[in-house]
Structure formats: structure tokens, C-alpha cells
Amino acid sequence: MTPSEFGLFLISVLTSVAGQFFLKAGASKLGKVNASNWLSHIIGIALTPELLFGLTCYGLGACAYILLLTRVKLSVAGPAVSLVYVFSLLLGYFVFGEPIPVSRIVGLGLIVSGVVLVVWNR
């Protein structure tokens, strides 16, 4: 990847991770949905600033990804953006206090190894 392609890649990944953070923060404000409160939750989605900002971040990430796809093969860009999973897990652990079982650590190691193999340019 060239520096500009790597920049688009970083923007795509980081804005997607920011989107997940704000969606989780907003969803935490809504509480659990059930059969009796689903309509108020849908309205709440439209009125919760964190959720709206999270959706905006996702949109920006998608735009950066589309721009990346104009320059990089899908077979490289697709797997590379799976690093969002790694950053999301770390965000969940450090910000939201979510536990990380050993099986998830192994899975993340496989994701990172796969990304390295896919983007490795020989």
C-alpha cells in the first residue's frame, strides 16, 4: 500500500471503530429492547446524539473504504479492514470493561496473522 492508500485504510478503520464506540455508548443509554418498548427504542435511536454520531462515523468509514477500493484490490482491502474487530475488542475491554476470554485472543491472533499474510507484498 502506498502512503495515501494506507491513510484511507486508517481513516476507514478508525472511523468504523469510533462508530462502534458511539453506537455502544448510545445503546447503553437506551437499555434492553423487548416486545413492549421496541417503538420507543426506534424513536430513541433517532434522538440519541451518541447513536447519530456513531452512524455518522460509520458513514465516513464507508466513504473512506469506497475510496480505498478505487485504489486497492478488494482481496486486500476486505481482509485488511477486519482489523476493526481487533480494535473493537480492545475498546470493549479498556473502555467498557468487557472481559476477553482466551478463545477471543486466539481468534484475534488469527485475524492479525491473516491480515499480515494478505497484505504482505512480495
C-alpha atoms as a PDB file:
ATOM      1  CA  MET A   1       0.000   0.000   0.000  1.00  0.00           C
ATOM      2  CA  THR A   2       1.166   3.482  -0.774  1.00  0.00           C
ATOM      3  CA  PRO A   3       1.066   6.135   1.984  1.00  0.00           C
ATOM      4  CA  SER A   4      -2.174   7.635   0.621  1.00  0.00           C
ATOM      5  CA  GLU A   5      -3.795   4.192   0.411  1.00  0.00           C
ATOM      6  CA  PHE A   6      -2.657   3.438   3.947  1.00  0.00           C
ATOM      7  CA  GLY A   7      -4.141   6.774   5.053  1.00  0.00           C
ATOM      8  CA  LEU A   8      -7.524   5.857   3.554  1.00  0.00           C
ATOM      9  CA  PHE A   9      -7.254   2.465   5.206  1.00  0.00           C
ATOM     10  CA  LEU A  10      -6.557   4.051   8.615  1.00  0.00           C
ATOM     11  CA  ILE A  11      -9.411   6.538   8.232  1.00  0.00           C
ATOM     12  CA  SER A  12     -11.781   3.715   7.309  1.00  0.00           C
ATOM     13  CA  VAL A  13     -10.749   1.531  10.245  1.00  0.00           C
ATOM     14  CA  LEU A  14     -10.565   4.288  12.863  1.00  0.00           C
ATOM     15  CA  THR A  15     -13.887   5.886  11.934  1.00  0.00           C
ATOM     16  CA  SER A  16     -15.544   2.463  11.959  1.00  0.00           C
ATOM     17  CA  VAL A  17     -14.135   1.772  15.425  1.00  0.00           C
ATOM     18  CA  ALA A  18     -15.275   5.220  16.592  1.00  0.00           C
ATOM     19  CA  GLY A  19     -18.695   4.405  15.176  1.00  0.00           C
ATOM     20  CA  GLN A  20     -18.829   1.191  17.192  1.00  0.00           C
ATOM     21  CA  PHE A  21     -17.803   3.059  20.336  1.00  0.00           C
ATOM     22  CA  PHE A  22     -20.546   5.664  19.971  1.00  0.00           C
ATOM     23  CA  LEU A  23     -23.147   3.072  18.986  1.00  0.00           C
ATOM     24  CA  LYS A  24     -22.341   1.066  22.124  1.00  0.00           C
ATOM     25  CA  ALA A  25     -22.409   4.206  24.291  1.00  0.00           C
ATOM     26  CA  GLY A  26     -25.763   5.230  22.832  1.00  0.00           C
ATOM     27  CA  ALA A  27     -27.204   1.726  23.052  1.00  0.00           C
ATOM     28  CA  SER A  28     -26.243   1.614  26.726  1.00  0.00           C
ATOM     29  CA  LYS A  29     -28.398   4.692  27.279  1.00  0.00           C
ATOM     30  CA  LEU A  30     -31.391   3.041  25.595  1.00  0.00           C
ATOM     31  CA  GLY A  31     -31.337  -0.102  27.678  1.00  0.00           C
ATOM     32  CA  LYS A  32     -32.595  -3.505  26.581  1.00  0.00           C
ATOM     33  CA  VAL A  33     -35.273  -3.738  23.941  1.00  0.00           C
ATOM     34  CA  ASN A  34     -38.272  -6.034  24.341  1.00  0.00           C
ATOM     35  CA  ALA A  35     -41.720  -6.507  22.820  1.00  0.00           C
ATOM     36  CA  SER A  36     -43.254  -3.660  24.802  1.00  0.00           C
ATOM     37  CA  ASN A  37     -40.641  -0.945  24.258  1.00  0.00           C
ATOM     38  CA  TRP A  38     -39.395  -1.519  20.711  1.00  0.00           C
ATOM     39  CA  LEU A  39     -41.127   1.537  19.283  1.00  0.00           C
ATOM     40  CA  SER A  40     -39.711   3.878  21.897  1.00  0.00           C
ATOM     41  CA  HIS A  41     -36.272   2.406  21.185  1.00  0.00           C
ATOM     42  CA  ILE A  42     -36.586   3.145  17.479  1.00  0.00           C
ATOM     43  CA  ILE A  43     -37.557   6.721  18.313  1.00  0.00           C
ATOM     44  CA  GLY A  44     -34.733   6.826  20.853  1.00  0.00           C
ATOM     45  CA  ILE A  45     -32.241   5.879  18.162  1.00  0.00           C
ATOM     46  CA  ALA A  46     -33.186   8.979  16.189  1.00  0.00           C
ATOM     47  CA  LEU A  47     -32.909  11.189  19.283  1.00  0.00           C
ATOM     48  CA  THR A  48     -29.750   9.881  20.957  1.00  0.00           C
ATOM     49  CA  PRO A  49     -26.716  12.001  19.983  1.00  0.00           C
ATOM     50  CA  GLU A  50     -24.217   9.170  20.512  1.00  0.00           C
ATOM     51  CA  LEU A  51     -26.138   6.909  18.157  1.00  0.00           C
ATOM     52  CA  LEU A  52     -26.412   9.592  15.498  1.00  0.00           C
ATOM     53  CA  PHE A  53     -22.698  10.348  15.786  1.00  0.00           C
ATOM     54  CA  GLY A  54     -21.909   6.626  15.641  1.00  0.00           C
ATOM     55  CA  LEU A  55     -23.923   6.257  12.448  1.00  0.00           C
ATOM     56  CA  THR A  56     -22.130   9.303  11.013  1.00  0.00           C
ATOM     57  CA  CYS A  57     -18.765   7.737  11.828  1.00  0.00           C
ATOM     58  CA  TYR A  58     -19.839   4.530  10.094  1.00  0.00           C
ATOM     59  CA  GLY A  59     -20.853   6.563   7.050  1.00  0.00           C
ATOM     60  CA  LEU A  60     -17.485   8.323   6.936  1.00  0.00           C
ATOM     61  CA  GLY A  61     -15.727   4.984   7.336  1.00  0.00           C
ATOM     62  CA  ALA A  62     -17.730   3.560   4.443  1.00  0.00           C
ATOM     63  CA  CYS A  63     -16.826   6.554   2.260  1.00  0.00           C
ATOM     64  CA  ALA A  64     -13.130   6.115   3.056  1.00  0.00           C
ATOM     65  CA  TYR A  65     -13.439   2.387   2.307  1.00  0.00           C
ATOM     66  CA  ILE A  66     -15.076   3.096  -1.057  1.00  0.00           C
ATOM     67  CA  LEU A  67     -12.253   5.484  -1.912  1.00  0.00           C
ATOM     68  CA  LEU A  68      -9.756   2.820  -0.826  1.00  0.00           C
ATOM     69  CA  LEU A  69     -11.445   0.300  -3.131  1.00  0.00           C
ATOM     70  CA  THR A  70     -10.797   2.609  -6.090  1.00  0.00           C
ATOM     71  CA  ARG A  71      -7.076   2.139  -5.459  1.00  0.00           C
ATOM     72  CA  VAL A  72      -6.623  -1.294  -3.845  1.00  0.00           C
ATOM     73  CA  LYS A  73      -7.839  -4.775  -4.730  1.00  0.00           C
ATOM     74  CA  LEU A  74     -10.855  -5.994  -2.774  1.00  0.00           C
ATOM     75  CA  SER A  75      -8.895  -9.139  -1.927  1.00  0.00           C
ATOM     76  CA  VAL A  76      -6.503  -6.913   0.042  1.00  0.00           C
ATOM     77  CA  ALA A  77      -8.803  -4.188   1.365  1.00  0.00           C
ATOM     78  CA  GLY A  78     -11.567  -6.508   2.599  1.00  0.00           C
ATOM     79  CA  PRO A  79      -9.431  -8.638   4.885  1.00  0.00           C
ATOM     80  CA  ALA A  80      -7.353  -5.638   5.996  1.00  0.00           C
ATOM     81  CA  VAL A  81     -10.353  -3.793   7.396  1.00  0.00           C
ATOM     82  CA  SER A  82     -11.086  -6.804   9.582  1.00  0.00           C
ATOM     83  CA  LEU A  83      -8.632  -5.139  11.961  1.00  0.00           C
ATOM     84  CA  VAL A  84     -11.735  -3.241  13.107  1.00  0.00           C
ATOM     85  CA  TYR A  85     -12.517  -6.386  15.114  1.00  0.00           C
ATOM     86  CA  VAL A  86      -9.193  -6.166  16.922  1.00  0.00           C
ATOM     87  CA  PHE A  87      -9.634  -2.513  17.841  1.00  0.00           C
ATOM     88  CA  SER A  88     -13.263  -3.081  18.824  1.00  0.00           C
ATOM     89  CA  LEU A  89     -12.278  -5.829  21.222  1.00  0.00           C
ATOM     90  CA  LEU A  90      -9.616  -3.616  22.792  1.00  0.00           C
ATOM     91  CA  LEU A  91     -12.118  -0.760  23.049  1.00  0.00           C
ATOM     92  CA  GLY A  92     -14.621  -3.058  24.723  1.00  0.00           C
ATOM     93  CA  TYR A  93     -12.003  -4.196  27.207  1.00  0.00           C
ATOM     94  CA  PHE A  94     -10.440  -0.845  28.091  1.00  0.00           C
ATOM     95  CA  VAL A  95     -13.487   1.433  27.876  1.00  0.00           C
ATOM     96  CA  PHE A  96     -16.471  -0.772  28.668  1.00  0.00           C
ATOM     97  CA  GLY A  97     -14.726  -3.277  30.955  1.00  0.00           C
ATOM     98  CA  GLU A  98     -15.720  -6.295  28.869  1.00  0.00           C
ATOM     99  CA  PRO A  99     -13.775  -9.496  29.573  1.00  0.00           C
ATOM    100  CA  ILE A 100     -11.589 -11.089  26.896  1.00  0.00           C
ATOM    101  CA  PRO A 101     -11.647 -14.891  27.020  1.00  0.00           C
ATOM    102  CA  VAL A 102      -8.652 -16.840  25.748  1.00  0.00           C
ATOM    103  CA  SER A 103     -10.634 -18.060  22.735  1.00  0.00           C
ATOM    104  CA  ARG A 104     -11.114 -14.446  21.598  1.00  0.00           C
ATOM    105  CA  ILE A 105      -7.409 -13.710  21.995  1.00  0.00           C
ATOM    106  CA  VAL A 106      -6.614 -16.721  19.820  1.00  0.00           C
ATOM    107  CA  GLY A 107      -9.200 -15.581  17.267  1.00  0.00           C
ATOM    108  CA  LEU A 108      -7.711 -12.094  17.171  1.00  0.00           C
ATOM    109  CA  GLY A 109      -4.262 -13.568  16.674  1.00  0.00           C
ATOM    110  CA  LEU A 110      -5.585 -15.487  13.693  1.00  0.00           C
ATOM    111  CA  ILE A 111      -7.193 -12.336  12.274  1.00  0.00           C
ATOM    112  CA  VAL A 112      -3.983 -10.322  12.616  1.00  0.00           C
ATOM    113  CA  SER A 113      -1.926 -13.172  11.115  1.00  0.00           C
ATOM    114  CA  GLY A 114      -4.358 -13.433   8.224  1.00  0.00           C
ATOM    115  CA  VAL A 115      -4.234  -9.698   7.553  1.00  0.00           C
ATOM    116  CA  VAL A 116      -0.430  -9.747   7.549  1.00  0.00           C
ATOM    117  CA  LEU A 117      -0.416 -12.634   5.070  1.00  0.00           C
ATOM    118  CA  VAL A 118      -2.981 -10.959   2.803  1.00  0.00           C
ATOM    119  CA  VAL A 119      -1.352  -7.519   2.645  1.00  0.00           C
ATOM    120  CA  TRP A 120       2.231  -8.808   2.554  1.00  0.00           C
ATOM    121  CA  ASN A 121       3.607  -7.681  -0.780  1.00  0.00           C
ATOM    122  CA  ARG A 122       6.372  -9.899  -2.168  1.00  0.00           C
END
